[in-house]
Amino acid sequence: MIIELVTSEFSNESSKTITFSSNFTKIPKVIANTKGATDSNYNVFIEAVTRTSVTIGISQVYTGTVSIHAIGS
C-alpha cells in the first residue's frame, strides 16, 4: 500500500493539477480539503485522477493551502 500526503498552494485559482511523487500501479483513491481556511464556503473536489496526477477543483477562486491524500498500490 502507498499513502502519499501532499500540500499545494493555490493563489487565486479554482483548479490545479498536482503530480504524484509515488509510483502508483493503479489509480489511487484521493481526498482533498482546504487547510486552515478561515472561510468555510469552499467546496473542494476531484476533477480528474490518474496513476500519476490529480486535478483538484474548488468551487470558487481560492488562495491558500489544499491538503491531498492519495492511497493506492
N, C-alpha and C. Protein backbone atom coordinates (compact mmCIF):
# COMPACT_ATOMS: atom_id res chain seq x y z
N MET A 1 0.84 -1.18 0.00
CA MET A 1 0.00 0.00 0.00
C MET A 1 0.89 1.24 0.00
N ILE A 2 0.49 2.23 -0.78
CA ILE A 2 1.20 3.50 -0.85
C ILE A 2 0.26 4.60 -0.35
N ILE A 3 0.75 5.44 0.55
CA ILE A 3 -0.01 6.59 1.02
C ILE A 3 0.86 7.82 0.77
N GLU A 4 0.34 8.75 -0.03
CA GLU A 4 1.07 9.98 -0.30
C GLU A 4 0.28 11.16 0.24
N LEU A 5 0.96 12.00 1.01
CA LEU A 5 0.36 13.20 1.57
C LEU A 5 1.04 14.40 0.92
N VAL A 6 0.24 15.29 0.35
CA VAL A 6 0.77 16.44 -0.37
C VAL A 6 0.00 17.68 0.05
N THR A 7 0.70 18.81 0.12
CA THR A 7 0.01 20.09 0.25
C THR A 7 0.35 20.91 -0.98
N SER A 8 -0.61 21.68 -1.45
CA SER A 8 -0.40 22.50 -2.62
C SER A 8 -0.94 23.90 -2.35
N GLU A 9 -0.16 24.89 -2.74
CA GLU A 9 -0.57 26.28 -2.55
C GLU A 9 -1.37 26.75 -3.77
N PHE A 10 -2.55 27.29 -3.50
CA PHE A 10 -3.38 27.89 -4.54
C PHE A 10 -3.27 29.40 -4.40
N SER A 11 -3.19 30.12 -5.51
CA SER A 11 -3.11 31.57 -5.50
C SER A 11 -4.12 32.12 -6.51
N ASN A 12 -5.30 32.51 -6.01
CA ASN A 12 -6.39 32.98 -6.86
C ASN A 12 -6.70 31.98 -7.97
N GLU A 13 -6.80 30.71 -7.60
CA GLU A 13 -7.05 29.63 -8.56
C GLU A 13 -8.27 28.84 -8.13
N SER A 14 -8.93 28.23 -9.11
CA SER A 14 -10.05 27.34 -8.80
C SER A 14 -9.80 25.92 -9.28
N SER A 15 -8.63 25.67 -9.87
CA SER A 15 -8.28 24.34 -10.35
C SER A 15 -6.77 24.23 -10.46
N LYS A 16 -6.25 23.06 -10.14
CA LYS A 16 -4.80 22.85 -10.25
C LYS A 16 -4.51 21.36 -10.37
N THR A 17 -3.52 21.02 -11.19
CA THR A 17 -3.08 19.64 -11.33
C THR A 17 -1.79 19.43 -10.54
N ILE A 18 -1.78 18.39 -9.72
CA ILE A 18 -0.64 18.05 -8.89
C ILE A 18 -0.12 16.68 -9.34
N THR A 19 1.18 16.57 -9.54
CA THR A 19 1.80 15.31 -9.94
C THR A 19 2.26 14.56 -8.69
N PHE A 20 1.93 13.28 -8.63
CA PHE A 20 2.34 12.44 -7.51
C PHE A 20 3.84 12.15 -7.60
N SER A 21 4.50 12.01 -6.46
CA SER A 21 5.90 11.57 -6.44
C SER A 21 5.99 10.05 -6.34
N SER A 22 4.91 9.41 -5.88
CA SER A 22 4.87 7.94 -5.77
C SER A 22 4.53 7.32 -7.12
N ASN A 23 4.93 6.07 -7.27
CA ASN A 23 4.63 5.32 -8.49
C ASN A 23 3.45 4.38 -8.24
N PHE A 24 2.25 4.88 -8.40
CA PHE A 24 1.06 4.06 -8.22
C PHE A 24 0.90 3.13 -9.41
N THR A 25 0.60 1.85 -9.15
CA THR A 25 0.37 0.90 -10.24
C THR A 25 -1.08 0.92 -10.71
N LYS A 26 -1.96 1.40 -9.84
CA LYS A 26 -3.38 1.57 -10.17
C LYS A 26 -3.79 2.98 -9.77
N ILE A 27 -4.91 3.45 -10.29
CA ILE A 27 -5.38 4.79 -9.95
C ILE A 27 -5.71 4.82 -8.45
N PRO A 28 -5.11 5.74 -7.70
CA PRO A 28 -5.33 5.78 -6.25
C PRO A 28 -6.66 6.44 -5.88
N LYS A 29 -7.11 6.18 -4.68
CA LYS A 29 -8.23 6.91 -4.10
C LYS A 29 -7.64 8.22 -3.58
N VAL A 30 -8.34 9.33 -3.80
CA VAL A 30 -7.81 10.64 -3.42
C VAL A 30 -8.86 11.43 -2.67
N ILE A 31 -8.42 12.09 -1.59
CA ILE A 31 -9.28 13.04 -0.88
C ILE A 31 -8.52 14.35 -0.76
N ALA A 32 -9.25 15.45 -0.71
CA ALA A 32 -8.62 16.77 -0.62
C ALA A 32 -9.51 17.69 0.19
N ASN A 33 -8.87 18.63 0.88
CA ASN A 33 -9.62 19.66 1.61
C ASN A 33 -8.74 20.88 1.82
N THR A 34 -9.40 22.01 2.09
CA THR A 34 -8.63 23.22 2.38
C THR A 34 -8.02 23.09 3.76
N LYS A 35 -6.88 23.69 3.92
CA LYS A 35 -6.15 23.59 5.19
C LYS A 35 -6.10 24.98 5.82
N GLY A 36 -6.76 25.12 6.97
CA GLY A 36 -6.71 26.39 7.68
C GLY A 36 -7.50 27.51 7.05
N ALA A 37 -8.46 27.20 6.19
CA ALA A 37 -9.25 28.25 5.56
C ALA A 37 -10.15 28.92 6.60
N THR A 38 -10.13 30.25 6.63
CA THR A 38 -10.98 30.98 7.58
C THR A 38 -12.40 31.09 7.06
N ASP A 39 -12.58 30.95 5.76
CA ASP A 39 -13.91 30.97 5.15
C ASP A 39 -14.24 29.54 4.76
N SER A 40 -15.26 28.97 5.36
CA SER A 40 -15.59 27.56 5.11
C SER A 40 -16.53 27.35 3.93
N ASN A 41 -16.71 28.36 3.10
CA ASN A 41 -17.64 28.25 1.98
C ASN A 41 -16.97 27.76 0.69
N TYR A 42 -16.00 26.87 0.83
CA TYR A 42 -15.31 26.30 -0.32
C TYR A 42 -15.67 24.83 -0.45
N ASN A 43 -15.98 24.42 -1.67
CA ASN A 43 -16.20 23.01 -1.96
C ASN A 43 -14.99 22.51 -2.75
N VAL A 44 -14.21 21.63 -2.15
CA VAL A 44 -13.03 21.07 -2.81
C VAL A 44 -13.41 19.71 -3.37
N PHE A 45 -13.06 19.47 -4.63
CA PHE A 45 -13.46 18.21 -5.26
C PHE A 45 -12.37 17.74 -6.24
N ILE A 46 -12.45 16.48 -6.59
CA ILE A 46 -11.52 15.86 -7.54
C ILE A 46 -12.11 15.99 -8.93
N GLU A 47 -11.41 16.70 -9.82
CA GLU A 47 -11.86 16.82 -11.21
C GLU A 47 -11.43 15.62 -12.04
N ALA A 48 -10.19 15.15 -11.80
CA ALA A 48 -9.66 14.01 -12.54
C ALA A 48 -8.53 13.40 -11.74
N VAL A 49 -8.35 12.09 -11.91
CA VAL A 49 -7.23 11.42 -11.24
C VAL A 49 -6.70 10.31 -12.15
N THR A 50 -5.37 10.22 -12.22
CA THR A 50 -4.70 9.16 -12.98
C THR A 50 -3.67 8.52 -12.04
N ARG A 51 -2.90 7.59 -12.54
CA ARG A 51 -1.85 6.98 -11.73
C ARG A 51 -0.74 7.97 -11.40
N THR A 52 -0.62 9.05 -12.17
CA THR A 52 0.50 9.98 -11.99
C THR A 52 0.12 11.36 -11.47
N SER A 53 -1.18 11.72 -11.51
CA SER A 53 -1.56 13.07 -11.08
C SER A 53 -3.02 13.15 -10.68
N VAL A 54 -3.35 14.26 -10.04
CA VAL A 54 -4.73 14.55 -9.68
C VAL A 54 -5.00 16.02 -10.00
N THR A 55 -6.19 16.30 -10.49
CA THR A 55 -6.61 17.68 -10.70
C THR A 55 -7.66 18.00 -9.65
N ILE A 56 -7.36 19.03 -8.85
CA ILE A 56 -8.24 19.46 -7.77
C ILE A 56 -9.04 20.66 -8.25
N GLY A 57 -10.33 20.64 -8.00
CA GLY A 57 -11.19 21.77 -8.30
C GLY A 57 -11.72 22.39 -7.01
N ILE A 58 -11.95 23.68 -7.03
CA ILE A 58 -12.52 24.40 -5.89
C ILE A 58 -13.67 25.23 -6.41
N SER A 59 -14.75 25.30 -5.65
CA SER A 59 -15.99 25.92 -6.11
C SER A 59 -15.87 27.41 -6.41
N GLN A 60 -14.85 28.06 -5.90
CA GLN A 60 -14.61 29.46 -6.21
C GLN A 60 -13.10 29.72 -6.14
N VAL A 61 -12.69 30.86 -6.67
CA VAL A 61 -11.27 31.20 -6.64
C VAL A 61 -10.80 31.17 -5.19
N TYR A 62 -9.63 30.55 -4.97
CA TYR A 62 -9.13 30.32 -3.61
C TYR A 62 -7.65 30.65 -3.52
N THR A 63 -7.27 31.26 -2.44
CA THR A 63 -5.86 31.47 -2.11
C THR A 63 -5.62 30.82 -0.76
N GLY A 64 -4.73 29.83 -0.74
CA GLY A 64 -4.44 29.11 0.49
C GLY A 64 -3.91 27.73 0.17
N THR A 65 -3.89 26.89 1.19
CA THR A 65 -3.31 25.56 1.09
C THR A 65 -4.39 24.50 0.97
N VAL A 66 -4.16 23.53 0.10
CA VAL A 66 -5.03 22.36 -0.03
C VAL A 66 -4.22 21.13 0.34
N SER A 67 -4.78 20.30 1.21
CA SER A 67 -4.17 19.02 1.60
C SER A 67 -4.73 17.92 0.74
N ILE A 68 -3.85 17.06 0.25
CA ILE A 68 -4.25 15.97 -0.65
C ILE A 68 -3.70 14.67 -0.09
N HIS A 69 -4.55 13.65 -0.01
CA HIS A 69 -4.15 12.32 0.45
C HIS A 69 -4.47 11.36 -0.68
N ALA A 70 -3.46 10.65 -1.16
CA ALA A 70 -3.66 9.63 -2.20
C ALA A 70 -3.29 8.28 -1.60
N ILE A 71 -4.19 7.31 -1.77
CA ILE A 71 -4.00 5.98 -1.19
C ILE A 71 -4.19 4.95 -2.30
N GLY A 72 -3.20 4.11 -2.49
CA GLY A 72 -3.31 3.11 -3.53
C GLY A 72 -2.18 2.09 -3.44
N SER A 73 -1.94 1.44 -4.56
CA SER A 73 -0.86 0.45 -4.60
C SER A 73 -0.04 0.64 -5.85
